[in-house]
Protein backbone atom coordinates (compact mmCIF):
# COMPACT_ATOMS: atom_id res chain seq x y z
CA MET A 1 0.00 0.00 0.00
CA GLU A 2 1.19 3.52 -0.74
CA ASN A 3 2.48 5.65 2.10
CA ILE A 4 -0.31 8.24 2.11
CA SER A 5 -2.72 5.56 3.34
CA HIS A 6 -0.16 4.20 5.81
CA SER A 7 0.27 7.73 7.18
CA LEU A 8 -3.48 8.23 7.51
CA PHE A 9 -3.73 5.00 9.47
CA GLY A 10 -0.95 6.19 11.78
CA ALA A 11 -2.56 9.61 12.29
CA ALA A 12 -6.00 8.12 12.95
CA LEU A 13 -4.53 5.70 15.48
CA ALA A 14 -2.74 8.60 17.19
CA GLY A 15 -6.04 10.48 17.49
CA ALA A 16 -7.74 7.39 18.91
CA THR A 17 -5.06 6.68 21.55
CA LEU A 18 -4.33 10.24 22.72
CA PRO A 19 -5.00 10.72 26.44
CA ARG A 20 -7.59 13.35 27.38
CA ASP A 21 -5.05 15.27 29.41
CA ARG A 22 -2.64 16.40 26.71
CA SER A 23 -0.37 19.32 26.16
CA PRO A 24 0.44 20.53 22.63
CA LEU A 25 3.82 18.78 22.86
CA ARG A 26 2.31 15.49 24.08
CA ARG A 27 -0.15 15.65 21.20
CA ARG A 28 2.69 16.30 18.77
CA VAL A 29 4.67 13.36 20.14
CA PHE A 30 1.74 10.99 19.63
CA TYR A 31 1.04 12.13 16.08
CA ILE A 32 4.68 12.04 15.01
CA THR A 33 5.06 8.58 16.57
CA GLY A 34 1.91 7.32 14.84
CA LEU A 35 3.06 8.58 11.44
CA LEU A 36 6.57 7.23 11.97
CA ALA A 37 5.57 3.77 13.22
CA ALA A 38 2.98 3.32 10.46
CA ASN A 39 5.70 3.86 7.83
CA LEU A 40 8.74 2.30 9.54
CA PRO A 41 8.54 -1.11 7.79
CA ASP A 42 9.26 0.61 4.48
CA LEU A 43 12.78 1.33 5.72
CA ASP A 44 13.66 -1.76 3.69
CA LEU A 45 13.66 0.50 0.63
CA ILE A 46 16.97 1.90 1.90
CA TYR A 47 18.85 -1.36 1.35
CA THR A 48 17.21 -2.77 -1.79
CA ARG A 49 20.31 -1.71 -3.78
CA LEU A 50 22.41 -4.26 -1.88
CA THR A 51 21.26 -6.74 -4.53
CA PRO A 52 21.23 -5.76 -8.24
CA PRO A 53 17.87 -4.62 -9.65
CA PRO A 54 15.24 -5.78 -10.04
CA LEU A 55 16.08 -8.52 -7.55
CA GLY A 56 16.93 -6.10 -4.75
CA TYR A 57 13.49 -4.53 -4.78
CA LEU A 58 11.60 -7.78 -5.34
CA LEU A 59 13.36 -9.71 -2.57
CA HIS A 60 14.03 -7.05 0.06
CA HIS A 61 10.99 -4.77 -0.15
CA ARG A 62 8.23 -6.31 1.96
CA GLY A 63 11.00 -8.53 3.24
CA HIS A 64 12.37 -8.82 6.76
CA THR A 65 10.93 -5.52 8.01
CA HIS A 66 7.46 -6.74 6.98
CA THR A 67 7.45 -9.64 9.43
CA ILE A 68 6.30 -9.90 13.04
CA VAL A 69 9.91 -10.30 14.13
CA GLY A 70 10.83 -7.27 12.05
CA LEU A 71 8.12 -5.16 13.70
CA VAL A 72 9.48 -6.03 17.14
CA ALA A 73 12.94 -4.92 16.01
CA LEU A 74 11.57 -1.70 14.52
CA ALA A 75 9.96 -0.83 17.87
CA VAL A 76 13.46 0.17 18.96
CA VAL A 77 13.02 3.44 17.03
CA PRO A 78 10.02 4.74 19.04
CA TRP A 79 11.75 3.48 22.20
CA LEU A 80 14.73 5.70 21.36
CA ILE A 81 12.32 8.63 21.06
CA THR A 82 11.22 8.05 24.64
CA LEU A 83 14.84 8.48 25.79
CA ILE A 84 14.72 12.18 24.91
CA PRO A 85 14.17 13.78 28.34
CA ARG A 86 11.55 16.31 27.27
CA VAL A 87 9.63 13.71 25.29
CA ARG A 88 9.74 11.25 28.20
CA LYS A 89 8.41 13.95 30.50
CA GLU A 90 5.54 14.80 28.16
CA ILE A 91 4.54 11.16 27.72
CA GLY A 92 4.48 10.80 31.49
CA ASP A 93 1.63 8.61 32.73
CA ALA A 94 0.48 7.97 29.14
CA LEU A 95 3.32 5.52 28.49
CA GLY A 96 0.87 2.62 28.14
CA ARG A 97 -1.13 4.51 25.52
CA TYR A 98 2.11 5.43 23.74
CA TRP A 99 3.15 1.78 23.37
CA LEU A 100 -0.37 0.80 22.35
CA LEU A 101 -0.10 3.38 19.56
CA VAL A 102 3.31 2.02 18.51
CA ALA A 103 2.02 -1.57 18.41
CA LEU A 104 -1.15 -0.68 16.48
CA ALA A 105 0.62 1.59 13.99
CA LEU A 106 3.34 -0.98 13.22
CA ALA A 107 0.73 -3.74 12.90
CA SER A 108 -1.42 -1.55 10.64
CA HIS A 109 1.40 -1.44 8.07
CA LEU A 110 1.69 -5.22 7.96
CA LEU A 111 -2.07 -5.71 7.80
CA ALA A 112 -2.63 -3.12 5.08
CA ASP A 113 0.18 -4.51 2.92
CA GLY A 114 -1.29 -7.99 3.36
CA TRP A 115 -4.67 -7.00 1.91
CA ASN A 116 -3.49 -6.78 -1.71
CA SER A 117 -2.03 -9.12 -4.31
CA TYR A 118 1.63 -8.13 -3.81
CA GLY A 119 1.91 -10.28 -0.69
CA ILE A 120 3.85 -10.51 2.57
CA HIS A 121 5.47 -13.33 4.57
CA PRO A 122 4.77 -12.20 8.14
CA PHE A 123 5.70 -15.40 10.00
CA TYR A 124 9.40 -15.54 9.05
CA PRO A 125 11.53 -17.34 10.27
CA LEU A 126 8.88 -19.94 11.18
CA SER A 127 7.48 -19.80 7.65
CA ASN A 128 8.87 -18.26 4.46
CA GLN A 129 5.53 -18.65 2.67
CA TRP A 130 3.98 -15.66 0.88
CA LEU A 131 0.44 -14.71 1.93
CA TYR A 132 -1.88 -12.71 -0.34
CA GLY A 133 -5.10 -10.91 0.56
CA ASP A 134 -6.16 -10.20 -3.05
CA ALA A 135 -8.94 -7.99 -1.67
CA VAL A 136 -7.82 -4.33 -1.73
CA PHE A 137 -6.08 -2.49 -4.54
CA ILE A 138 -2.60 -1.25 -3.62
CA LEU A 139 -3.75 2.35 -4.17
CA GLU A 140 -7.25 2.78 -2.72
CA PRO A 141 -8.86 6.26 -2.55
CA TRP A 142 -11.57 5.03 -0.21
CA PHE A 143 -8.91 5.05 2.53
CA TRP A 144 -8.10 8.66 1.66
CA THR A 145 -11.75 9.56 2.21
CA LEU A 146 -12.72 7.42 5.21
CA LEU A 147 -9.53 8.12 7.18
CA GLY A 148 -8.66 11.47 5.60
CA VAL A 149 -11.77 13.36 6.77
CA ALA A 150 -11.09 12.48 10.41
CA VAL A 151 -7.39 13.31 10.17
CA VAL A 152 -8.08 16.65 8.46
CA LEU A 153 -10.65 17.63 11.09
CA ASN A 154 -8.21 16.67 13.86
CA ILE A 155 -5.50 19.04 12.62
CA ARG A 156 -5.42 22.08 14.91
CA TYR A 157 -3.85 24.62 12.57
CA TRP A 158 -5.85 25.83 9.59
CA ARG A 159 -2.90 25.89 7.19
CA GLY A 160 -2.12 22.22 7.78
CA ARG A 161 -5.80 21.33 7.62
CA TRP A 162 -6.32 22.99 4.25
CA LEU A 163 -3.04 21.66 2.86
CA LEU A 164 -3.96 18.03 3.66
CA ALA A 165 -7.54 18.55 2.48
CA ALA A 166 -6.26 19.95 -0.83
CA LEU A 167 -3.91 16.99 -1.28
CA LEU A 168 -6.57 14.37 -0.53
CA GLY A 169 -9.09 16.18 -2.72
CA THR A 170 -6.69 16.52 -5.64
CA LEU A 171 -5.48 12.91 -5.75
CA PRO A 172 -8.85 11.44 -6.91
CA LEU A 173 -9.09 14.15 -9.56
CA ILE A 174 -5.64 13.22 -10.84
CA GLY A 175 -6.70 9.57 -10.91
CA LEU A 176 -9.81 10.57 -12.84
CA ALA A 177 -7.77 12.60 -15.34
CA ILE A 178 -5.39 9.71 -16.12
CA GLY A 179 -8.22 7.18 -16.35
CA LEU A 180 -7.36 5.30 -13.15
CA PHE A 181 -10.67 6.08 -11.41
CA PRO A 182 -14.11 6.23 -13.09
CA TRP A 183 -16.04 9.47 -12.65
CA PRO A 184 -19.05 7.85 -10.84
CA ALA A 185 -16.64 6.51 -8.20
CA VAL A 186 -15.01 9.93 -7.76
CA ALA A 187 -18.46 11.53 -7.42
CA LEU A 188 -19.42 8.93 -4.80
CA LEU A 189 -16.16 9.55 -2.93
CA ALA A 190 -16.94 13.27 -2.83
CA ALA A 191 -20.48 12.62 -1.58
CA VAL A 192 -19.35 10.22 1.14
CA GLY A 193 -16.61 12.67 2.14
CA GLY A 194 -19.20 15.43 2.50
CA VAL A 195 -21.45 13.25 4.66
CA PHE A 196 -18.48 12.21 6.77
CA ILE A 197 -17.56 15.85 7.38
CA LEU A 198 -21.09 16.58 8.65
CA LEU A 199 -21.08 13.48 10.87
CA LEU A 200 -17.61 13.84 12.36
CA ARG A 201 -17.27 17.59 12.74
CA PRO A 202 -19.29 17.86 16.00
CA LEU A 203 -17.36 15.00 17.63
CA ASP A 204 -14.14 15.07 19.61
CA GLU A 205 -10.80 13.91 18.26
CA ALA A 206 -10.92 10.36 19.64
CA ARG A 207 -14.45 9.62 18.44
CA ARG A 208 -13.68 10.92 14.95
CA SER A 209 -10.64 8.69 14.74
CA VAL A 210 -12.38 5.58 16.06
CA ILE A 211 -15.35 6.00 13.70
CA ALA A 212 -13.00 6.49 10.73
CA LEU A 213 -11.02 3.37 11.65
CA VAL A 214 -14.20 1.31 12.10
CA ALA A 215 -15.58 2.53 8.75
CA THR A 216 -12.30 1.59 7.08
CA GLY A 217 -12.46 -1.85 8.71
CA VAL A 218 -15.99 -2.32 7.37
CA PHE A 219 -14.77 -1.41 3.87
CA VAL A 220 -11.96 -3.97 4.15
CA LEU A 221 -14.33 -6.70 5.38
CA LEU A 222 -16.68 -5.90 2.49
CA SER A 223 -13.74 -6.18 0.08
CA PHE A 224 -12.85 -9.64 1.38
CA ASN A 225 -16.48 -10.74 1.04
CA LEU A 226 -16.50 -9.47 -2.55
CA ASN A 227 -13.26 -11.37 -3.18
CA GLU A 228 -14.97 -14.59 -2.07
CA ALA A 229 -17.95 -13.80 -4.31
CA ALA A 230 -15.62 -13.30 -7.29
CA VAL A 231 -13.87 -16.62 -6.62
CA ARG A 232 -17.22 -18.43 -6.40
CA GLN A 233 -18.38 -16.83 -9.64
CA ILE A 234 -15.22 -17.92 -11.47
CA ARG A 235 -15.34 -21.52 -10.20
CA ARG A 236 -19.06 -21.90 -10.82
CA ALA A 237 -18.78 -20.65 -14.41
CA ASP A 238 -15.97 -23.04 -15.42
CA PRO A 239 -15.65 -26.09 -13.09
CA ASP A 240 -13.31 -27.93 -15.50
CA ALA A 241 -10.75 -25.12 -15.42
CA ALA A 242 -11.19 -24.85 -11.64
CA ALA A 243 -9.76 -28.36 -11.27
CA ARG A 244 -6.57 -27.28 -13.09
CA THR A 245 -6.27 -23.86 -11.44
CA VAL A 246 -3.12 -23.37 -9.38
CA ASP A 247 -3.78 -19.71 -8.56
CA LEU A 248 -6.39 -16.98 -8.88
CA ILE A 249 -4.98 -13.48 -8.57
CA LEU A 250 -7.73 -10.94 -7.89
CA ASN A 251 -7.69 -7.17 -7.70
CA PRO A 252 -10.64 -4.81 -7.32
CA ARG A 253 -10.50 -1.73 -9.51
CA PRO A 254 -9.29 1.26 -7.46
CA ALA A 255 -12.26 3.22 -6.07
CA ASN A 256 -14.59 0.72 -7.76
CA PRO A 257 -15.22 -2.45 -5.67
CA LEU A 258 -18.00 -3.53 -8.07
CA CYS A 259 -15.46 -4.52 -10.72
CA TRP A 260 -12.60 -6.98 -10.22
CA ASP A 261 -9.75 -8.01 -12.49
CA ALA A 262 -8.72 -11.66 -12.37
CA LEU A 263 -5.64 -13.54 -13.51
CA ARG A 264 -6.12 -17.30 -13.64
CA LEU A 265 -3.15 -19.68 -13.74
CA THR A 266 -3.95 -23.23 -14.82
CA HIS A 267 -1.60 -26.19 -15.09
CA GLU A 268 -2.38 -27.66 -18.50
CA PRO A 269 -1.96 -31.34 -19.50
CA ASP A 270 0.99 -30.44 -21.77
CA ASP A 271 2.89 -29.13 -18.68
CA THR A 272 2.40 -25.48 -19.51
CA LEU A 273 1.20 -22.68 -17.28
CA LEU A 274 -1.74 -21.00 -18.98
CA ILE A 275 -2.28 -17.42 -17.77
CA SER A 276 -5.56 -15.76 -18.73
CA GLN A 277 -7.48 -12.73 -17.58
CA LYS A 278 -11.01 -11.37 -17.40
CA SER A 279 -13.03 -8.79 -15.47
CA ILE A 280 -15.57 -9.85 -12.87
CA PRO A 281 -18.54 -7.52 -12.22
CA LEU A 282 -20.17 -8.00 -8.81
CA PRO A 283 -23.01 -8.67 -9.10
CA SER A 284 -22.96 -9.81 -12.73
CA ALA A 285 -25.64 -7.21 -13.53
CA ALA A 286 -23.08 -4.53 -12.61
CA SER A 287 -21.04 -5.15 -15.80
CA PRO A 288 -21.39 -1.48 -16.93
CA ALA A 289 -19.30 -0.58 -13.88
CA CYS A 290 -16.34 -2.34 -15.52
CA GLY A 291 -16.44 -0.14 -18.63
CA ALA A 292 -17.39 -0.72 -22.22
CA ASN A 293 -13.93 -1.89 -23.36
CA THR A 294 -13.49 -4.48 -20.61
CA SER A 295 -13.31 -8.18 -21.46
CA LEU A 296 -15.86 -10.23 -19.52
CA ALA A 297 -14.58 -13.46 -21.10
CA TRP A 298 -11.25 -15.17 -20.45
CA THR A 299 -8.45 -13.83 -22.64
CA THR A 300 -5.20 -15.78 -22.90
CA LEU A 301 -2.19 -13.67 -21.94
CA ALA A 302 0.52 -16.31 -22.10
CA ARG A 303 1.20 -20.03 -22.27
CA GLN A 304 4.47 -20.67 -20.45
CA PRO A 305 6.21 -24.07 -20.75
CA LEU A 306 7.11 -25.10 -17.22
CA ALA A 307 10.14 -27.10 -18.40
CA GLU A 308 11.69 -23.85 -19.65
CA LEU A 309 11.21 -22.22 -16.23
CA ARG A 310 12.60 -25.25 -14.41
CA GLN A 311 15.69 -25.33 -16.62
CA LEU A 312 16.37 -21.62 -16.16
CA ALA A 313 15.88 -21.93 -12.40
CA SER A 314 18.40 -24.76 -12.21
CA GLU A 315 21.01 -23.08 -14.44
CA ASN A 316 20.77 -19.41 -13.46
CA CYS A 317 20.96 -18.21 -9.87
CA SER A 318 19.43 -14.81 -10.70
CA VAL A 319 16.35 -16.43 -12.23
CA ASN A 320 16.14 -18.85 -9.32
CA ALA A 321 16.17 -15.89 -6.93
CA TRP A 322 13.65 -13.96 -9.07
CA LEU A 323 11.25 -16.89 -8.80
CA GLN A 324 11.15 -16.30 -5.03
CA PHE A 325 8.85 -13.37 -5.88
CA ALA A 326 7.05 -14.16 -9.14
CA ARG A 327 3.48 -15.34 -8.92
CA ALA A 328 2.68 -15.25 -12.66
CA PRO A 329 6.06 -15.85 -14.38
CA VAL A 330 6.36 -15.55 -18.15
CA ILE A 331 9.37 -15.58 -20.49
CA SER A 332 9.02 -13.35 -23.54
CA GLU A 333 11.45 -11.62 -25.91
CA GLY A 334 14.51 -12.32 -23.78
CA ASN A 335 12.86 -11.15 -20.55
CA ILE A 336 11.19 -12.85 -17.64
CA SER A 337 8.33 -10.91 -16.01
CA ASP A 338 5.56 -11.30 -13.47
CA LEU A 339 2.28 -10.64 -15.29
CA ARG A 340 0.66 -9.37 -12.08
CA PHE A 341 2.27 -6.04 -12.91
CA GLY A 342 1.89 -6.00 -16.67
CA ASN A 343 -0.43 -2.98 -16.50
CA SER A 344 1.46 -1.04 -13.84
CA LEU A 345 1.57 2.73 -14.39
CA ARG A 346 5.35 2.69 -14.01
CA GLY A 347 5.84 -0.27 -16.31
CA ASN A 348 6.51 -3.83 -15.22
CA PHE A 349 9.11 -3.30 -12.50
CA THR A 350 9.61 -7.06 -12.13
CA THR A 351 11.16 -7.58 -15.59
CA LEU A 352 14.56 -9.26 -15.56
CA ARG A 353 16.57 -9.31 -18.80
CA LEU A 354 17.84 -12.84 -19.27
CA ASP A 355 20.94 -11.78 -21.18
CA ALA A 356 21.89 -9.56 -18.22
CA ALA A 357 20.97 -12.06 -15.49
CA ALA A 358 24.10 -13.26 -13.76
CA ALA A 359 24.54 -17.03 -13.72
CA GLU A 360 26.57 -16.63 -10.52
CA CYS A 361 24.59 -15.77 -7.42
CA PRO A 362 24.14 -12.05 -6.69
CA PRO A 363 24.85 -10.91 -3.11
CA TYR A 364 22.40 -10.84 -0.20
CA LEU A 365 19.74 -13.18 -1.54
CA THR A 366 16.77 -14.24 0.53
CA LYS A 367 15.10 -17.61 0.97
CA TRP A 368 11.40 -16.86 0.47
CA THR A 369 9.31 -19.81 -0.69
CA PRO A 370 8.72 -19.36 -4.44
CA PRO A 371 5.00 -18.76 -5.10
CA ARG A 372 5.09 -21.19 -8.04
CA SER A 373 6.86 -23.98 -6.21
CA ASP A 374 3.49 -25.76 -6.56
CA VAL A 375 4.24 -26.42 -10.25
CA LEU A 376 7.99 -25.84 -10.45
CA GLY A 377 9.06 -27.82 -7.40
CA ASP A 378 11.41 -26.67 -4.64
């Protein structure tokens, strides 16, 4: 998940955990800590260059700092903040609330990153297995609205309030302009934001924050229920393919939970991995929500011979390491790419050029369980 949403989670949690007896400095300490802790796991971006690209990013981002053990280690940073004498004095008898904030903000990062199709492996070193939520798009403007209204109203100074409001109001418009969000969804976001302002404005800081967090939780639960509905629809429509399916990769459209994009990976009798895609309207009568140019039937994207992947994995250490990340691997035109990110706005950042892939092992590799070990073997 992008860091604007992580920051909004941290700020909302700070507002919810603040003690009633608070000085301006105590309030500042809680908000800074909430923002910091909610973003701390992304410190792994600092050391992704230890391993040549794209492997460094693929293996180290959402790596060790995105585990339960990593969160415990990262808690050292807010502990160091408490060693500053003035800060320690201001926290005072609210130390329990302070550590509750730290725990919730750190956990919120792991949870939020686990809701989408990128994946995390939170139980390292007990398990190196990737876990995928496949329920929330990695950039979701509903979080900007549900959390953002409360955070904006909780800002004490008008300049900061209007600056954040302008940012959160502009981002959906930018998404609309580049075709990322449909205009009905942006209109609905604006309407819900207006209602939220009317509802939350009379309340105190803590109530605003709690209501915003609960509303966000309801949205996430709804997204997971819609994910299950999409899976049922896919399996019911094609039971023969369901028996051969090794993975379903689902993503809701950003700002538009009525339309889902699906990648289906099936293990074919000729030992190939067939990767196909379609859009899933929920309910099926909501197909206009997916747009006129959207395919509602399965379209083949690639047919990847698994023997070719196995041979490359055994001969080339870079490819073997790359497969620790790839969920939908395809070789094409001298490259190997993960088709999950074929339509990424920044291009497919997973692409590894095979002629540049080092046969010798690059430094600082990880040992995550390859997502496609189910058809490629260990």
